[in-house]
Amino acid sequence: MKVILALIVGIALGVAAVWFYNTGQGRSAVKTTGDQLENARDALHEKIQVLDLRPEQIKEDLERTGRVVRRKAREAGQAIADATADARITAAVKSKLLGSKELSSMGISVNTTEGVVTLSGSVNSAEEISKAMLLAMETDGVREVISTLQVKGKPAKTS
């Protein structure tokens, strides 16, 4: 009984598939899906070529070094560009702090990571924190400024 029921369901599905394929919408859907699969296959082959992931290249690397390492050139280049940009930003902020007559720049440290500038150290007032942050924010490439600057405590008066 189960075999007959499975056979009837199979035939019904086959008839429905043939009917769907014979409609214009069915042919269009099958063609579109085929084109998408072909484009995906071509893109995959292209990436394999670009990243040197061909099986013969993999075997050669394994024989030579015992491991396979691949980096995306664009990402490696971007990391280098980001590191130099961060160094440039740090230098520019330090330069602005040194050039400011209103700030004691020797007590302020500057660190930049991915465009985020961190100011640390100590200053004489909350106004100096504001000025230091403003100088940093006005520097090209800065995405964010974080201040951990502390206001120096005033010496206690002795009587």
Foldseek 3Di string as FASTA:
>chain_A
DVVVVVVVVVVVVVVVLVVLCPDPVNVVVVVVVVVVVVVVVVVVVVVCVVFVVPPVSQVVCCVVPVDDDTDDPVVVVVVVVQVVVQVVLQVQLLVVQVPDPVWPSVQWHWGGDQQEIEIEGETADPVNVVVSLVSSVPGPSHDYYHYPYYHDDDDDDDD
